[in-house]
Amino acid sequence: MNSPEERFAALFEETHQPLLAYAARRVTDPADAADVVTETFLVAWRRLEEVPEGEQARPWLFGVARKVLANLYRGERRRHALAEKLRSYIPEVAPPPDTVISPVEAAMSRLGDDDQELLRLLAWEELTRDEIALVLGVSRATVRVRLHRARGRLAKELQAQETAGRVSLHRAAAQRTSDVLVAKGRARVRSAVKEQR
């Protein structure tokens, strides 16, 4: 008498290729076919004592694969239906972006992905530090330190942006002053030319 492991290994060797071909012909993504076969053999392992002996094992496995495929199709239909439903809520929860970017959004865009995610979890999702720790899979103390650093980097970006804005304003004001002086100078030249005529 073979051990359960030996019986399962023999069953796998005899049937995995035909089952994979069966599943591949019924799905659009080859990775889904591999998932179907994996799930089929998982069921076979769990219910090994129910798997018929001999030639009846193969059709039994095909029956299991058929049910796994049916579950896959149902899951896809549910996902598509849920996705459609959720798409209808997008304008409510995420209105189209304004064409004008706020100073905070501009500063956030210059932060690293980790800092952005941390600050968004806190501000947008309104999660507590404990909840953020759970989402990120780190300790509360780690969240506290990372949050402190991210806030500091955001403040520096905002300050740099403000300084750059002042410089731009000074440049713009200097340009306007220069333009006014040039215009006045031209007006004087025109006036002097008219007087000489």
Protein backbone atom coordinates (compact mmCIF):
# COMPACT_ATOMS: atom_id res chain seq x y z
CA MET A 1 0.00 0.00 0.00
CA ASN A 2 1.33 3.40 -0.99
CA SER A 3 1.58 6.26 1.47
CA PRO A 4 -0.73 9.28 0.86
CA GLU A 5 2.26 11.30 -0.35
CA GLU A 6 3.27 8.63 -2.86
CA ARG A 7 -0.30 8.24 -4.10
CA PHE A 8 -0.66 11.99 -4.52
CA ALA A 9 2.69 12.29 -6.32
CA ALA A 10 1.68 9.53 -8.75
CA LEU A 11 -1.71 11.15 -9.30
CA PHE A 12 -0.02 14.46 -9.99
CA GLU A 13 2.46 12.96 -12.47
CA GLU A 14 -0.31 11.20 -14.39
CA THR A 15 -2.76 14.09 -14.61
CA HIS A 16 -1.19 17.53 -14.19
CA GLN A 17 -0.48 18.09 -17.90
CA PRO A 18 -3.94 17.08 -19.16
CA LEU A 19 -5.55 19.18 -16.42
CA LEU A 20 -3.38 22.17 -17.30
CA ALA A 21 -4.32 21.83 -20.98
CA TYR A 22 -8.02 21.55 -20.00
CA ALA A 23 -7.85 24.71 -17.91
CA ALA A 24 -5.72 26.66 -20.42
CA ARG A 25 -8.35 26.11 -23.12
CA ARG A 26 -11.01 27.63 -20.88
CA VAL A 27 -9.32 30.79 -19.55
CA THR A 28 -7.82 33.84 -21.20
CA ASP A 29 -4.78 34.19 -18.94
CA PRO A 30 -2.37 31.22 -18.69
CA ALA A 31 -1.66 32.17 -15.07
CA ASP A 32 -5.33 31.52 -14.32
CA ALA A 33 -4.96 28.02 -15.79
CA ALA A 34 -2.07 27.33 -13.44
CA ASP A 35 -4.16 28.62 -10.52
CA VAL A 36 -7.03 26.32 -11.50
CA VAL A 37 -4.76 23.27 -11.58
CA THR A 38 -3.14 24.26 -8.28
CA GLU A 39 -6.54 24.61 -6.62
CA THR A 40 -7.64 21.29 -8.14
CA PHE A 41 -4.68 19.46 -6.64
CA LEU A 42 -5.19 21.22 -3.34
CA VAL A 43 -8.73 19.83 -3.22
CA ALA A 44 -7.38 16.41 -4.23
CA TRP A 45 -4.84 16.49 -1.41
CA ARG A 46 -7.42 17.52 1.17
CA ARG A 47 -9.87 14.86 -0.02
CA LEU A 48 -7.35 12.21 -1.04
CA GLU A 49 -9.36 9.42 0.59
CA GLU A 50 -12.31 10.37 -1.68
CA VAL A 51 -10.27 10.30 -4.90
CA PRO A 52 -11.20 7.11 -6.76
CA GLU A 53 -8.52 4.54 -7.44
CA GLY A 54 -7.22 3.74 -10.93
CA GLU A 55 -8.76 5.12 -14.09
CA GLN A 56 -11.60 6.87 -12.24
CA ALA A 57 -9.18 9.34 -10.61
CA ARG A 58 -8.65 11.30 -13.82
CA PRO A 59 -12.34 12.12 -14.49
CA TRP A 60 -12.78 12.91 -10.80
CA LEU A 61 -9.98 15.49 -11.04
CA PHE A 62 -11.50 16.93 -14.22
CA GLY A 63 -14.78 17.31 -12.31
CA VAL A 64 -12.97 19.18 -9.55
CA ALA A 65 -11.20 21.38 -12.13
CA ARG A 66 -14.58 22.13 -13.72
CA LYS A 67 -15.94 23.31 -10.36
CA VAL A 68 -12.81 25.39 -9.72
CA LEU A 69 -13.28 27.02 -13.14
CA ALA A 70 -16.93 27.74 -12.30
CA ASN A 71 -15.79 29.45 -9.10
CA LEU A 72 -13.21 31.43 -11.09
CA TYR A 73 -15.88 32.60 -13.55
CA ARG A 74 -18.27 33.55 -10.73
CA GLY A 75 -15.48 35.44 -9.01
CA GLU A 76 -14.66 37.33 -12.22
CA ARG A 77 -18.32 38.26 -12.72
CA ARG A 78 -18.57 39.49 -9.13
CA ARG A 79 -15.35 41.49 -9.49
CA HIS A 80 -16.55 43.10 -12.72
CA ALA A 81 -19.95 43.92 -11.21
CA LEU A 82 -18.31 45.40 -8.12
CA ALA A 83 -15.83 47.36 -10.23
CA GLU A 84 -18.68 48.84 -12.27
CA LYS A 85 -20.55 49.79 -9.12
CA LEU A 86 -17.45 51.36 -7.58
CA ARG A 87 -16.71 53.33 -10.77
CA SER A 88 -20.03 55.11 -10.31
CA TYR A 89 -18.81 56.37 -6.90
CA ILE A 90 -15.48 57.72 -8.16
CA PRO A 91 -16.72 61.28 -8.87
CA GLU A 92 -18.11 61.47 -5.32
CA VAL A 93 -14.98 60.33 -3.49
CA ALA A 94 -12.32 61.56 -5.90
CA PRO A 95 -13.56 64.54 -7.90
CA PRO A 96 -11.60 65.43 -11.01
CA PRO A 97 -8.41 67.27 -10.12
CA ASP A 98 -8.34 71.03 -10.38
CA THR A 99 -6.07 72.45 -13.01
CA VAL A 100 -4.52 74.62 -10.28
CA ILE A 101 -2.24 72.67 -7.98
CA SER A 102 -2.20 73.81 -4.37
CA PRO A 103 1.13 74.53 -2.70
CA VAL A 104 0.67 71.48 -0.46
CA GLU A 105 0.02 69.20 -3.46
CA ALA A 106 3.10 70.58 -5.21
CA ALA A 107 5.23 70.02 -2.11
CA MET A 108 3.79 66.51 -1.62
CA SER A 109 4.65 65.58 -5.20
CA ARG A 110 8.33 66.22 -4.44
CA LEU A 111 8.36 63.84 -1.46
CA GLY A 112 9.26 60.17 -1.71
CA ASP A 113 6.52 57.58 -2.20
CA ASP A 114 6.77 56.31 1.39
CA ASP A 115 6.40 59.83 2.84
CA GLN A 116 3.45 60.55 0.54
CA GLU A 117 1.69 57.32 1.51
CA LEU A 118 2.23 57.93 5.22
CA LEU A 119 0.94 61.50 5.10
CA ARG A 120 -2.04 60.52 2.95
CA LEU A 121 -3.01 57.69 5.30
CA LEU A 122 -3.00 60.21 8.12
CA ALA A 123 -4.66 63.18 6.38
CA TRP A 124 -6.86 61.71 3.65
CA GLU A 125 -7.84 58.38 5.19
CA GLU A 126 -7.89 59.80 8.73
CA LEU A 127 -6.22 56.73 10.17
CA THR A 128 -4.71 56.73 13.65
CA ARG A 129 -1.07 55.89 14.21
CA ASP A 130 -2.07 52.41 15.40
CA GLU A 131 -4.11 51.87 12.24
CA ILE A 132 -1.29 53.15 10.04
CA ALA A 133 1.10 50.76 11.80
CA LEU A 134 -1.27 47.90 10.98
CA VAL A 135 -1.60 48.97 7.31
CA LEU A 136 2.17 49.33 6.87
CA GLY A 137 3.06 46.28 8.95
CA VAL A 138 5.36 48.20 11.29
CA SER A 139 5.29 49.22 14.95
CA ARG A 140 3.50 52.33 16.24
CA ALA A 141 6.88 53.77 17.27
CA THR A 142 8.16 53.35 13.71
CA VAL A 143 5.08 55.16 12.40
CA ARG A 144 5.65 57.98 14.88
CA VAL A 145 9.28 58.43 13.79
CA ARG A 146 8.49 58.16 10.07
CA LEU A 147 5.58 60.55 10.43
CA HIS A 148 7.76 63.08 12.24
CA ARG A 149 10.37 62.89 9.48
CA ALA A 150 7.79 63.06 6.68
CA ARG A 151 6.19 66.14 8.22
CA GLY A 152 9.63 67.74 8.48
CA ARG A 153 10.40 67.04 4.83
CA LEU A 154 6.99 68.39 3.81
CA ALA A 155 7.61 71.57 5.82
CA LYS A 156 11.00 72.01 4.11
CA GLU A 157 9.42 71.56 0.69
CA LEU A 158 6.72 74.12 1.52
CA GLN A 159 9.34 76.56 2.80
CA ALA A 160 11.50 76.07 -0.30
CA GLN A 161 8.45 76.58 -2.45
CA GLU A 162 7.55 79.76 -0.58
CA THR A 163 11.10 81.07 -0.92
CA ALA A 164 11.10 80.24 -4.63
CA GLY A 165 7.73 81.97 -4.92
CA ARG A 166 9.13 85.12 -3.31
CA VAL A 167 12.12 85.02 -5.63
CA SER A 168 9.77 84.61 -8.57
CA LEU A 169 7.66 87.50 -7.32
CA HIS A 170 10.77 89.66 -6.91
CA ARG A 171 11.91 88.71 -10.42
CA ALA A 172 8.46 89.44 -11.82
CA ALA A 173 8.35 92.77 -9.99
CA ALA A 174 11.84 93.63 -11.23
CA GLN A 175 10.83 92.70 -14.77
CA ARG A 176 7.69 94.87 -14.53
CA THR A 177 9.79 97.76 -13.18
CA SER A 178 12.27 97.27 -15.99
CA ASP A 179 9.46 97.17 -18.55
CA VAL A 180 7.99 100.38 -17.13
CA LEU A 181 11.39 102.12 -17.22
CA VAL A 182 11.98 100.98 -20.81
CA ALA A 183 8.51 102.18 -21.80
CA LYS A 184 9.10 105.56 -20.13
CA GLY A 185 12.46 105.84 -21.82
CA ARG A 186 10.92 105.13 -25.21
CA ALA A 187 8.20 107.67 -24.53
CA ARG A 188 10.87 110.31 -23.73
CA VAL A 189 12.78 109.47 -26.90
CA ARG A 190 9.59 109.77 -28.98
CA SER A 191 8.77 113.04 -27.29
CA ALA A 192 12.24 114.41 -27.98
CA VAL A 193 12.03 113.31 -31.63
CA LYS A 194 8.66 115.04 -32.02
CA GLU A 195 10.01 118.25 -30.48
CA GLN A 196 12.92 118.30 -32.91
CA ARG A 197 10.63 118.05 -35.93
